Amino acid sequence: MFILLLTFLGTYEWFPVEGGDVSRQVLESPVVKEYGTNRIEKKFIYLTSGIFGGGSKVLFSKGSEIRGLPKGLKLMKRAIRMKKFDRYSALYKEGELKVVWKELEKESARKLGIPSLTLQEMRKIFPEDDFKNEKEEFKPGLILEKIRGVKYPLRIYYSFMEIEENRTRKLIPVVMKLCPLDEKIEEYIRGLNSKGD
């Protein structure tokens, strides 16, 4: 259950990751240079596409004050009691990342030759029988072999959350990987695993 929609003082832009070294690009960003590397948290927050629907879990130490968020992201405090942490759901209803996600969904479907990335369409191109062994047991690892040649359309973005702990402000890097095909395959495999139990 959500108990509070939070609003914040600061807003941080989302930056596209160019190449593979996310950590280096975060540390070399203009935000970090302005803020100072000594106040940047080494631990990143990784969000999932759950931010577009039910939310993606984020934990902060008890007593932390949230001072800034990535553009378009909202945090809702959950009514779940924890000893050392406050739990939030990160939500992103509309904005640049949502548009990019939808574009990647369309691109992924085109690469696979299907109209959309639904489980029904996935079953057509990856029939369940293709993932059974001679004992008729599901072996979801076989799907990875079958799609090894498919280049996953994906984009990675980073931004920052700013918090205040014990009167000290810290900047926490936030990373968002947008890869609809990867997530749909994981969902499909989970379904196969549950059938095999």
Protein backbone atom coordinates (compact mmCIF):
# COMPACT_ATOMS: atom_id res chain seq x y z
CA MET A 1 0.00 0.00 0.00
CA PHE A 2 1.29 3.45 -0.88
CA ILE A 3 1.14 6.05 1.84
CA LEU A 4 2.77 9.15 0.41
CA LEU A 5 3.60 10.67 -2.94
CA LEU A 6 6.81 12.62 -2.54
CA THR A 7 7.81 15.80 -4.30
CA PHE A 8 11.41 17.00 -4.37
CA LEU A 9 13.56 20.06 -4.62
CA GLY A 10 15.97 18.92 -7.35
CA THR A 11 15.58 17.28 -10.73
CA TYR A 12 18.34 15.48 -12.62
CA GLU A 13 18.35 14.80 -16.36
CA TRP A 14 18.64 11.32 -17.86
CA PHE A 15 21.84 10.81 -19.87
CA PRO A 16 22.25 8.10 -22.54
CA VAL A 17 25.16 5.70 -21.99
CA GLU A 18 27.47 5.70 -25.00
CA GLY A 19 29.33 2.38 -25.10
CA GLY A 20 29.65 -0.10 -22.27
CA ASP A 21 31.43 1.54 -19.33
CA VAL A 22 28.54 3.00 -17.32
CA SER A 23 30.64 3.70 -14.19
CA ARG A 24 33.20 5.75 -16.09
CA GLN A 25 30.56 7.82 -17.85
CA VAL A 26 28.74 8.48 -14.58
CA LEU A 27 31.93 9.65 -12.86
CA GLU A 28 32.86 11.86 -15.83
CA SER A 29 29.40 13.43 -16.08
CA PRO A 30 29.02 17.20 -15.60
CA VAL A 31 26.72 16.57 -12.61
CA VAL A 32 29.43 14.67 -10.73
CA LYS A 33 32.08 17.24 -11.61
CA GLU A 34 29.88 20.00 -10.21
CA TYR A 35 28.80 18.04 -7.13
CA GLY A 36 32.22 16.59 -6.27
CA THR A 37 33.30 12.95 -6.50
CA ASN A 38 33.77 12.66 -2.72
CA ARG A 39 30.00 12.84 -2.20
CA ILE A 40 29.04 10.30 -4.89
CA GLU A 41 27.84 6.94 -3.61
CA LYS A 42 29.77 3.99 -5.05
CA LYS A 43 26.68 1.79 -4.98
CA PHE A 44 24.32 2.38 -7.90
CA ILE A 45 20.53 2.06 -7.92
CA TYR A 46 19.39 -0.16 -10.81
CA LEU A 47 15.79 0.30 -11.92
CA THR A 48 13.71 -2.08 -14.03
CA SER A 49 10.88 -1.48 -16.46
CA GLY A 50 8.59 -1.98 -13.45
CA ILE A 51 8.83 1.79 -13.07
CA PHE A 52 6.32 2.07 -15.94
CA GLY A 53 3.69 0.01 -14.12
CA GLY A 54 3.61 -1.17 -10.53
CA GLY A 55 6.91 0.35 -9.51
CA SER A 56 10.52 -0.65 -8.90
CA LYS A 57 11.74 -1.12 -5.31
CA VAL A 58 14.15 1.43 -3.83
CA LEU A 59 15.52 1.37 -0.26
CA PHE A 60 17.03 4.23 1.75
CA SER A 61 18.47 4.21 5.27
CA LYS A 62 15.96 5.24 7.91
CA GLY A 63 15.92 8.96 8.46
CA SER A 64 17.21 9.81 4.99
CA GLU A 65 15.71 12.89 3.38
CA ILE A 66 15.27 12.73 -0.39
CA ARG A 67 16.34 15.99 -2.03
CA GLY A 68 16.34 15.22 -5.74
CA LEU A 69 15.23 12.67 -8.34
CA PRO A 70 15.73 11.88 -12.02
CA LYS A 71 13.41 13.80 -14.32
CA GLY A 72 9.94 12.24 -14.54
CA LEU A 73 10.56 9.75 -11.70
CA LYS A 74 8.37 9.77 -8.61
CA LEU A 75 8.84 7.89 -5.35
CA MET A 76 5.97 6.58 -3.30
CA LYS A 77 6.64 5.42 0.23
CA ARG A 78 5.38 1.94 0.95
CA ALA A 79 3.56 1.05 4.17
CA ILE A 80 6.01 -1.76 4.80
CA ARG A 81 7.95 -1.54 8.05
CA MET A 82 11.63 -2.38 8.00
CA LYS A 83 14.13 -1.93 10.83
CA LYS A 84 16.94 -0.17 8.99
CA PHE A 85 15.34 1.06 5.77
CA ASP A 86 12.44 3.00 4.32
CA ARG A 87 11.01 1.31 1.25
CA TYR A 88 9.76 3.21 -1.80
CA SER A 89 8.33 2.37 -5.20
CA ALA A 90 9.85 4.29 -8.09
CA LEU A 91 7.25 5.20 -10.74
CA TYR A 92 7.67 6.77 -14.17
CA LYS A 93 4.35 7.33 -15.90
CA GLU A 94 5.29 9.50 -18.87
CA GLY A 95 8.27 11.15 -20.45
CA GLU A 96 11.34 10.42 -22.57
CA LEU A 97 12.09 6.95 -21.15
CA LYS A 98 8.53 5.73 -21.70
CA VAL A 99 8.72 6.86 -25.34
CA VAL A 100 12.08 5.08 -25.80
CA TRP A 101 10.66 1.90 -24.22
CA LYS A 102 7.76 1.82 -26.68
CA GLU A 103 10.12 2.41 -29.63
CA LEU A 104 12.33 -0.48 -28.47
CA GLU A 105 9.30 -2.76 -28.16
CA LYS A 106 8.38 -2.05 -31.79
CA GLU A 107 11.97 -2.48 -32.98
CA SER A 108 12.31 -5.80 -31.12
CA ALA A 109 9.08 -7.13 -32.61
CA ARG A 110 10.24 -6.13 -36.12
CA LYS A 111 13.56 -7.96 -35.64
CA LEU A 112 11.68 -11.11 -34.66
CA GLY A 113 9.14 -10.72 -37.48
CA ILE A 114 6.11 -10.51 -35.20
CA PRO A 115 3.52 -7.74 -34.83
CA SER A 116 4.10 -7.17 -31.09
CA LEU A 117 6.04 -8.45 -28.09
CA THR A 118 3.23 -10.39 -26.45
CA LEU A 119 3.63 -13.84 -24.90
CA GLN A 120 1.18 -15.17 -27.48
CA GLU A 121 3.43 -13.98 -30.33
CA MET A 122 6.56 -15.26 -28.53
CA ARG A 123 5.01 -18.73 -28.35
CA LYS A 124 4.55 -18.71 -32.13
CA ILE A 125 8.24 -18.13 -32.87
CA PHE A 126 9.58 -20.04 -29.84
CA PRO A 127 7.19 -23.04 -29.52
CA GLU A 128 7.26 -24.65 -26.10
CA ASP A 129 8.02 -28.08 -27.59
CA ASP A 130 11.38 -26.70 -28.82
CA PHE A 131 12.45 -26.36 -25.18
CA LYS A 132 11.75 -29.91 -24.02
CA ASN A 133 14.31 -32.67 -23.70
CA GLU A 134 13.78 -36.34 -24.56
CA LYS A 135 11.97 -36.81 -21.23
CA GLU A 136 9.48 -34.04 -22.13
CA GLU A 137 10.98 -31.78 -19.43
CA PHE A 138 11.25 -28.05 -20.08
CA LYS A 139 14.81 -26.81 -20.59
CA PRO A 140 14.39 -23.03 -20.86
CA GLY A 141 18.14 -22.59 -21.46
CA LEU A 142 17.50 -23.80 -25.01
CA ILE A 143 15.67 -20.56 -25.82
CA LEU A 144 18.92 -18.66 -25.26
CA GLU A 145 20.68 -20.81 -27.85
CA LYS A 146 17.88 -20.25 -30.34
CA ILE A 147 17.99 -16.46 -30.06
CA ARG A 148 21.77 -16.13 -29.73
CA GLY A 149 21.91 -14.50 -33.18
CA VAL A 150 19.24 -11.90 -32.35
CA LYS A 151 20.70 -8.53 -31.45
CA TYR A 152 18.72 -7.20 -28.52
CA PRO A 153 17.62 -3.62 -29.15
CA LEU A 154 18.48 -1.84 -25.91
CA ARG A 155 19.42 1.51 -24.48
CA ILE A 156 20.91 2.41 -21.13
CA TYR A 157 20.42 5.70 -19.31
CA TYR A 158 21.77 7.10 -16.08
CA SER A 159 20.73 9.86 -13.74
CA PHE A 160 20.96 10.66 -10.03
CA MET A 161 19.05 10.66 -6.77
CA GLU A 162 20.12 13.10 -4.09
CA ILE A 163 19.63 12.24 -0.42
CA GLU A 164 20.57 13.80 2.90
CA GLU A 165 21.85 11.57 5.70
CA ASN A 166 23.10 12.95 9.02
CA ARG A 167 23.17 16.48 7.54
CA THR A 168 25.35 15.34 4.64
CA ARG A 169 24.07 15.36 1.08
CA LYS A 170 24.98 12.46 -1.20
CA LEU A 171 24.39 11.77 -4.87
CA ILE A 172 23.43 8.22 -5.84
CA PRO A 173 23.82 7.17 -9.50
CA VAL A 174 20.69 5.60 -11.00
CA VAL A 175 20.93 3.26 -14.00
CA MET A 176 18.02 2.24 -16.19
CA LYS A 177 18.46 -0.50 -18.80
CA LEU A 178 15.71 -0.50 -21.41
CA CYS A 179 15.51 -3.88 -23.18
CA PRO A 180 11.93 -5.09 -23.77
CA LEU A 181 12.98 -8.29 -25.58
CA ASP A 182 15.24 -9.37 -22.72
CA GLU A 183 12.46 -8.87 -20.19
CA LYS A 184 9.85 -10.62 -22.35
CA ILE A 185 12.15 -13.63 -22.75
CA GLU A 186 12.65 -13.77 -18.97
CA GLU A 187 8.88 -13.66 -18.49
CA TYR A 188 8.44 -16.45 -21.06
CA ILE A 189 11.12 -18.60 -19.38
CA ARG A 190 9.51 -18.11 -15.95
CA GLY A 191 6.27 -19.40 -17.45
CA LEU A 192 8.05 -22.46 -18.84
CA ASN A 193 9.72 -23.11 -15.48
CA SER A 194 6.42 -22.97 -13.62
CA LYS A 195 4.96 -25.52 -16.03
CA GLY A 196 7.95 -27.79 -15.45
CA ASP A 197 7.57 -27.79 -11.63
